Amino acid sequence: MASAFYAPLDKKAAGLAFLLAFLAIAGAWGSQLFGGLVPCELCLEQRMAYYWGLPVLAAILLTWNRLPLAVWYLAMAIATAIFAWGAFMGAYHAGVEWGFWPGPTACTGTGIGEISFDALSDLNSARVVPCDVVQFRFLGISLAGYNALVMVATVALLLISMGAQANRQGRRTRA
């Protein structure tokens, strides 16, 4: 554990980004499985950033000292872009909840389209969770809002990691 304390800033920031993102998706699953909250279509879409970004970030962390620097930067840029997309999705969903803009018609509008008799018989079993209705707020912020904040923090930590790595590399070339 002492070695993690003395690790360079680039590795600490990337590790903290991974931990923050992991705890966020674990919290989302916990609120669903144990808290009884049912995710809407946009909630599920926001989770994709975790499902793609965490494995990429884990691979970076596991191969930290073995990756060529150009590959490291490319992988970090990919992970950062994935989490930035997640931040956008979280902010978009929070905006739908606040009524700033319309959400997808599948979970906020009438969703009128082609209807078959088979679909009509399944209406009682189908449960559409509305994307524009907040199921839970804490301190006035919905879970979508917190997701956006966590994603922004994750992106910031990854950018700090890349900046620290660039700074360290710059000191090596000047020395």
C-alpha atoms as a PDB file:
ATOM      1  CA  MET A   1       0.000   0.000   0.000  1.00  0.00           C
ATOM      2  CA  ALA A   2       2.915   2.321   0.666  1.00  0.00           C
ATOM      3  CA  SER A   3       3.960   2.062  -2.988  1.00  0.00           C
ATOM      4  CA  ALA A   4       0.566   3.438  -4.088  1.00  0.00           C
ATOM      5  CA  PHE A   5       1.113   6.455  -1.834  1.00  0.00           C
ATOM      6  CA  TYR A   6       4.427   7.233  -3.512  1.00  0.00           C
ATOM      7  CA  ALA A   7       3.199   6.532  -7.043  1.00  0.00           C
ATOM      8  CA  PRO A   8       3.531   9.392  -9.513  1.00  0.00           C
ATOM      9  CA  LEU A   9       0.567  11.752  -9.941  1.00  0.00           C
ATOM     10  CA  ASP A  10      -0.303  10.361 -13.375  1.00  0.00           C
ATOM     11  CA  LYS A  11      -0.871   6.868 -12.022  1.00  0.00           C
ATOM     12  CA  LYS A  12      -2.663   8.100  -8.883  1.00  0.00           C
ATOM     13  CA  ALA A  13      -5.095  10.206 -10.907  1.00  0.00           C
ATOM     14  CA  ALA A  14      -5.852   7.371 -13.341  1.00  0.00           C
ATOM     15  CA  GLY A  15      -6.326   4.921 -10.466  1.00  0.00           C
ATOM     16  CA  LEU A  16      -8.634   7.339  -8.677  1.00  0.00           C
ATOM     17  CA  ALA A  17     -10.620   7.813 -11.907  1.00  0.00           C
ATOM     18  CA  PHE A  18     -11.051   4.044 -12.158  1.00  0.00           C
ATOM     19  CA  LEU A  19     -12.121   3.770  -8.515  1.00  0.00           C
ATOM     20  CA  LEU A  20     -14.601   6.647  -8.811  1.00  0.00           C
ATOM     21  CA  ALA A  21     -16.182   5.220 -11.970  1.00  0.00           C
ATOM     22  CA  PHE A  22     -16.294   1.710 -10.514  1.00  0.00           C
ATOM     23  CA  LEU A  23     -18.019   2.925  -7.342  1.00  0.00           C
ATOM     24  CA  ALA A  24     -20.526   4.893  -9.427  1.00  0.00           C
ATOM     25  CA  ILE A  25     -21.620   1.911 -11.530  1.00  0.00           C
ATOM     26  CA  ALA A  26     -21.649  -0.303  -8.422  1.00  0.00           C
ATOM     27  CA  GLY A  27     -23.913   2.277  -6.787  1.00  0.00           C
ATOM     28  CA  ALA A  28     -26.200   2.288  -9.811  1.00  0.00           C
ATOM     29  CA  TRP A  29     -26.486  -1.491  -9.700  1.00  0.00           C
ATOM     30  CA  GLY A  30     -26.987  -1.377  -5.932  1.00  0.00           C
ATOM     31  CA  SER A  31     -29.807   1.149  -6.239  1.00  0.00           C
ATOM     32  CA  GLN A  32     -31.436  -1.125  -8.798  1.00  0.00           C
ATOM     33  CA  LEU A  33     -30.953  -4.496  -7.101  1.00  0.00           C
ATOM     34  CA  PHE A  34     -31.308  -3.470  -3.457  1.00  0.00           C
ATOM     35  CA  GLY A  35     -32.978  -0.057  -3.610  1.00  0.00           C
ATOM     36  CA  GLY A  36     -35.757  -1.018  -5.997  1.00  0.00           C
ATOM     37  CA  LEU A  37     -35.080   1.779  -8.502  1.00  0.00           C
ATOM     38  CA  VAL A  38     -35.830   0.722 -12.052  1.00  0.00           C
ATOM     39  CA  PRO A  39     -33.575   2.316 -14.676  1.00  0.00           C
ATOM     40  CA  CYS A  40     -35.130   4.046 -17.651  1.00  0.00           C
ATOM     41  CA  GLU A  41     -33.849   3.891 -21.216  1.00  0.00           C
ATOM     42  CA  LEU A  42     -31.509   6.865 -20.691  1.00  0.00           C
ATOM     43  CA  CYS A  43     -30.187   5.412 -17.423  1.00  0.00           C
ATOM     44  CA  LEU A  44     -29.242   2.234 -19.241  1.00  0.00           C
ATOM     45  CA  GLU A  45     -27.625   4.248 -22.030  1.00  0.00           C
ATOM     46  CA  GLN A  46     -25.502   6.151 -19.498  1.00  0.00           C
ATOM     47  CA  ARG A  47     -24.182   2.888 -18.091  1.00  0.00           C
ATOM     48  CA  MET A  48     -22.587   2.043 -21.432  1.00  0.00           C
ATOM     49  CA  ALA A  49     -19.774   4.514 -20.707  1.00  0.00           C
ATOM     50  CA  TYR A  50     -18.884   2.476 -17.626  1.00  0.00           C
ATOM     51  CA  TYR A  51     -19.142  -0.834 -19.453  1.00  0.00           C
ATOM     52  CA  TRP A  52     -16.741   0.380 -22.161  1.00  0.00           C
ATOM     53  CA  GLY A  53     -14.577   2.834 -20.240  1.00  0.00           C
ATOM     54  CA  LEU A  54     -13.761   0.753 -17.163  1.00  0.00           C
ATOM     55  CA  PRO A  55     -12.255  -2.191 -19.099  1.00  0.00           C
ATOM     56  CA  VAL A  56     -10.184   0.209 -21.218  1.00  0.00           C
ATOM     57  CA  LEU A  57      -8.968   2.001 -18.099  1.00  0.00           C
ATOM     58  CA  ALA A  58      -8.286  -1.314 -16.325  1.00  0.00           C
ATOM     59  CA  ALA A  59      -6.184  -2.477 -19.279  1.00  0.00           C
ATOM     60  CA  ILE A  60      -4.220   0.781 -19.141  1.00  0.00           C
ATOM     61  CA  LEU A  61      -3.620   0.432 -15.412  1.00  0.00           C
ATOM     62  CA  LEU A  62      -2.581  -3.215 -15.700  1.00  0.00           C
ATOM     63  CA  THR A  63      -0.097  -2.504 -18.520  1.00  0.00           C
ATOM     64  CA  TRP A  64       0.996   0.902 -17.228  1.00  0.00           C
ATOM     65  CA  ASN A  65       4.785   0.530 -17.496  1.00  0.00           C
ATOM     66  CA  ARG A  66       4.721  -1.804 -20.482  1.00  0.00           C
ATOM     67  CA  LEU A  67       2.840   0.354 -22.988  1.00  0.00           C
ATOM     68  CA  PRO A  68       4.755   2.515 -25.441  1.00  0.00           C
ATOM     69  CA  LEU A  69       4.067   6.138 -24.601  1.00  0.00           C
ATOM     70  CA  ALA A  70       2.165   6.846 -27.838  1.00  0.00           C
ATOM     71  CA  VAL A  71      -0.103   3.837 -27.221  1.00  0.00           C
ATOM     72  CA  TRP A  72      -0.601   4.952 -23.605  1.00  0.00           C
ATOM     73  CA  TYR A  73      -1.717   8.410 -24.741  1.00  0.00           C
ATOM     74  CA  LEU A  74      -4.029   6.933 -27.368  1.00  0.00           C
ATOM     75  CA  ALA A  75      -5.607   4.535 -24.871  1.00  0.00           C
ATOM     76  CA  MET A  76      -6.010   7.322 -22.303  1.00  0.00           C
ATOM     77  CA  ALA A  77      -7.597   9.553 -24.959  1.00  0.00           C
ATOM     78  CA  ILE A  78     -10.041   6.762 -25.844  1.00  0.00           C
ATOM     79  CA  ALA A  79     -10.953   6.207 -22.172  1.00  0.00           C
ATOM     80  CA  THR A  80     -11.346   9.966 -21.670  1.00  0.00           C
ATOM     81  CA  ALA A  81     -13.585  10.260 -24.738  1.00  0.00           C
ATOM     82  CA  ILE A  82     -15.779   7.389 -23.517  1.00  0.00           C
ATOM     83  CA  PHE A  83     -16.270   9.015 -20.120  1.00  0.00           C
ATOM     84  CA  ALA A  84     -16.827  12.434 -21.746  1.00  0.00           C
ATOM     85  CA  TRP A  85     -19.622  10.849 -23.789  1.00  0.00           C
ATOM     86  CA  GLY A  86     -21.005   9.491 -20.484  1.00  0.00           C
ATOM     87  CA  ALA A  87     -20.893  13.004 -18.997  1.00  0.00           C
ATOM     88  CA  PHE A  88     -22.836  14.301 -21.981  1.00  0.00           C
ATOM     89  CA  MET A  89     -25.436  11.541 -21.598  1.00  0.00           C
ATOM     90  CA  GLY A  90     -25.804  12.249 -17.874  1.00  0.00           C
ATOM     91  CA  ALA A  91     -26.234  15.985 -18.490  1.00  0.00           C
ATOM     92  CA  TYR A  92     -28.683  15.274 -21.317  1.00  0.00           C
ATOM     93  CA  HIS A  93     -30.748  12.994 -19.062  1.00  0.00           C
ATOM     94  CA  ALA A  94     -30.711  15.527 -16.217  1.00  0.00           C
ATOM     95  CA  GLY A  95     -31.896  18.169 -18.697  1.00  0.00           C
ATOM     96  CA  VAL A  96     -34.746  15.894 -19.769  1.00  0.00           C
ATOM     97  CA  GLU A  97     -35.707  15.449 -16.108  1.00  0.00           C
ATOM     98  CA  TRP A  98     -35.710  19.229 -15.550  1.00  0.00           C
ATOM     99  CA  GLY A  99     -37.739  19.773 -18.739  1.00  0.00           C
ATOM    100  CA  PHE A 100     -34.993  21.779 -20.489  1.00  0.00           C
ATOM    101  CA  TRP A 101     -35.406  19.701 -23.667  1.00  0.00           C
ATOM    102  CA  PRO A 102     -37.462  16.715 -24.793  1.00  0.00           C
ATOM    103  CA  GLY A 103     -36.195  13.211 -24.281  1.00  0.00           C
ATOM    104  CA  PRO A 104     -36.596  10.175 -26.514  1.00  0.00           C
ATOM    105  CA  THR A 105     -40.202   9.462 -27.424  1.00  0.00           C
ATOM    106  CA  ALA A 106     -39.766   5.851 -26.314  1.00  0.00           C
ATOM    107  CA  CYS A 107     -39.713   6.926 -22.673  1.00  0.00           C
ATOM    108  CA  THR A 108     -41.021  10.507 -22.555  1.00  0.00           C
ATOM    109  CA  GLY A 109     -43.455  11.027 -25.406  1.00  0.00           C
ATOM    110  CA  THR A 110     -46.485   9.276 -26.727  1.00  0.00           C
ATOM    111  CA  GLY A 111     -44.404   6.852 -28.736  1.00  0.00           C
ATOM    112  CA  ILE A 112     -47.205   6.498 -31.289  1.00  0.00           C
ATOM    113  CA  GLY A 113     -46.148   4.241 -34.100  1.00  0.00           C
ATOM    114  CA  GLU A 114     -47.283   1.063 -35.729  1.00  0.00           C
ATOM    115  CA  ILE A 115     -49.380  -1.068 -33.402  1.00  0.00           C
ATOM    116  CA  SER A 116     -50.143  -4.709 -33.955  1.00  0.00           C
ATOM    117  CA  PHE A 117     -52.629  -6.883 -32.133  1.00  0.00           C
ATOM    118  CA  ASP A 118     -49.752  -8.902 -30.643  1.00  0.00           C
ATOM    119  CA  ALA A 119     -48.294  -5.723 -29.181  1.00  0.00           C
ATOM    120  CA  LEU A 120     -51.670  -4.772 -27.742  1.00  0.00           C
ATOM    121  CA  SER A 121     -51.937  -8.080 -25.894  1.00  0.00           C
ATOM    122  CA  ASP A 122     -48.542  -7.460 -24.262  1.00  0.00           C
ATOM    123  CA  LEU A 123     -49.364  -3.945 -23.027  1.00  0.00           C
ATOM    124  CA  ASN A 124     -50.227  -5.125 -19.530  1.00  0.00           C
ATOM    125  CA  SER A 125     -46.895  -6.895 -19.083  1.00  0.00           C
ATOM    126  CA  ALA A 126     -44.750  -4.070 -20.470  1.00  0.00           C
ATOM    127  CA  ARG A 127     -43.491  -1.447 -18.042  1.00  0.00           C
ATOM    128  CA  VAL A 128     -42.012   1.704 -19.517  1.00  0.00           C
ATOM    129  CA  VAL A 129     -40.040   3.712 -16.996  1.00  0.00           C
ATOM    130  CA  PRO A 130     -40.352   7.388 -17.917  1.00  0.00           C
ATOM    131  CA  CYS A 131     -37.051   9.179 -18.542  1.00  0.00           C
ATOM    132  CA  ASP A 132     -38.445  12.567 -17.572  1.00  0.00           C
ATOM    133  CA  VAL A 133     -39.594  11.551 -14.082  1.00  0.00           C
ATOM    134  CA  VAL A 134     -37.039  11.587 -11.260  1.00  0.00           C
ATOM    135  CA  GLN A 135     -37.195   8.470  -9.106  1.00  0.00           C
ATOM    136  CA  PHE A 136     -34.741   9.749  -6.491  1.00  0.00           C
ATOM    137  CA  ARG A 137     -33.165  13.080  -5.590  1.00  0.00           C
ATOM    138  CA  PHE A 138     -30.502  13.860  -3.030  1.00  0.00           C
ATOM    139  CA  LEU A 139     -29.746  17.505  -2.218  1.00  0.00           C
ATOM    140  CA  GLY A 140     -31.907  18.491  -5.180  1.00  0.00           C
ATOM    141  CA  ILE A 141     -29.843  16.521  -7.708  1.00  0.00           C
ATOM    142  CA  SER A 142     -31.133  13.408  -9.459  1.00  0.00           C
ATOM    143  CA  LEU A 143     -29.091  10.290 -10.056  1.00  0.00           C
ATOM    144  CA  ALA A 144     -28.632  11.379 -13.679  1.00  0.00           C
ATOM    145  CA  GLY A 145     -27.196  14.655 -12.411  1.00  0.00           C
ATOM    146  CA  TYR A 146     -24.833  12.837 -10.069  1.00  0.00           C
ATOM    147  CA  ASN A 147     -23.834  10.564 -12.917  1.00  0.00           C
ATOM    148  CA  ALA A 148     -22.905  13.599 -15.007  1.00  0.00           C
ATOM    149  CA  LEU A 149     -20.853  15.003 -12.108  1.00  0.00           C
ATOM    150  CA  VAL A 150     -19.045  11.687 -11.567  1.00  0.00           C
ATOM    151  CA  MET A 151     -18.263  11.445 -15.269  1.00  0.00           C
ATOM    152  CA  VAL A 152     -16.936  15.025 -15.354  1.00  0.00           C
ATOM    153  CA  ALA A 153     -14.731  14.239 -12.342  1.00  0.00           C
ATOM    154  CA  THR A 154     -13.509  11.053 -14.032  1.00  0.00           C
ATOM    155  CA  VAL A 155     -12.666  12.970 -17.204  1.00  0.00           C
ATOM    156  CA  ALA A 156     -10.872  15.630 -15.143  1.00  0.00           C
ATOM    157  CA  LEU A 157      -8.798  12.977 -13.366  1.00  0.00           C
ATOM    158  CA  LEU A 158      -7.849  11.352 -16.672  1.00  0.00           C
ATOM    159  CA  LEU A 159      -6.837  14.738 -18.090  1.00  0.00           C
ATOM    160  CA  ILE A 160      -4.769  15.397 -14.952  1.00  0.00           C
ATOM    161  CA  SER A 161      -3.124  12.010 -15.450  1.00  0.00           C
ATOM    162  CA  MET A 162      -2.230  12.791 -19.057  1.00  0.00           C
ATOM    163  CA  GLY A 163      -0.984  16.255 -18.113  1.00  0.00           C
ATOM    164  CA  ALA A 164       1.180  14.856 -15.302  1.00  0.00           C
ATOM    165  CA  GLN A 165       2.614  12.259 -17.665  1.00  0.00           C
ATOM    166  CA  ALA A 166       3.407  14.945 -20.245  1.00  0.00           C
ATOM    167  CA  ASN A 167       5.011  17.094 -17.545  1.00  0.00           C
ATOM    168  CA  ARG A 168       7.109  14.172 -16.348  1.00  0.00           C
ATOM    169  CA  GLN A 169       8.187  13.315 -19.882  1.00  0.00           C
ATOM    170  CA  GLY A 170       9.051  16.958 -20.512  1.00  0.00           C
ATOM    171  CA  ARG A 171      11.317  17.030 -17.436  1.00  0.00           C
ATOM    172  CA  ARG A 172      13.058  13.854 -18.638  1.00  0.00           C
ATOM    173  CA  THR A 173      13.856  15.336 -22.056  1.00  0.00           C
ATOM    174  CA  ARG A 174      15.166  18.583 -20.533  1.00  0.00           C
ATOM    175  CA  ALA A 175      17.404  16.746 -18.056  1.00  0.00           C
END
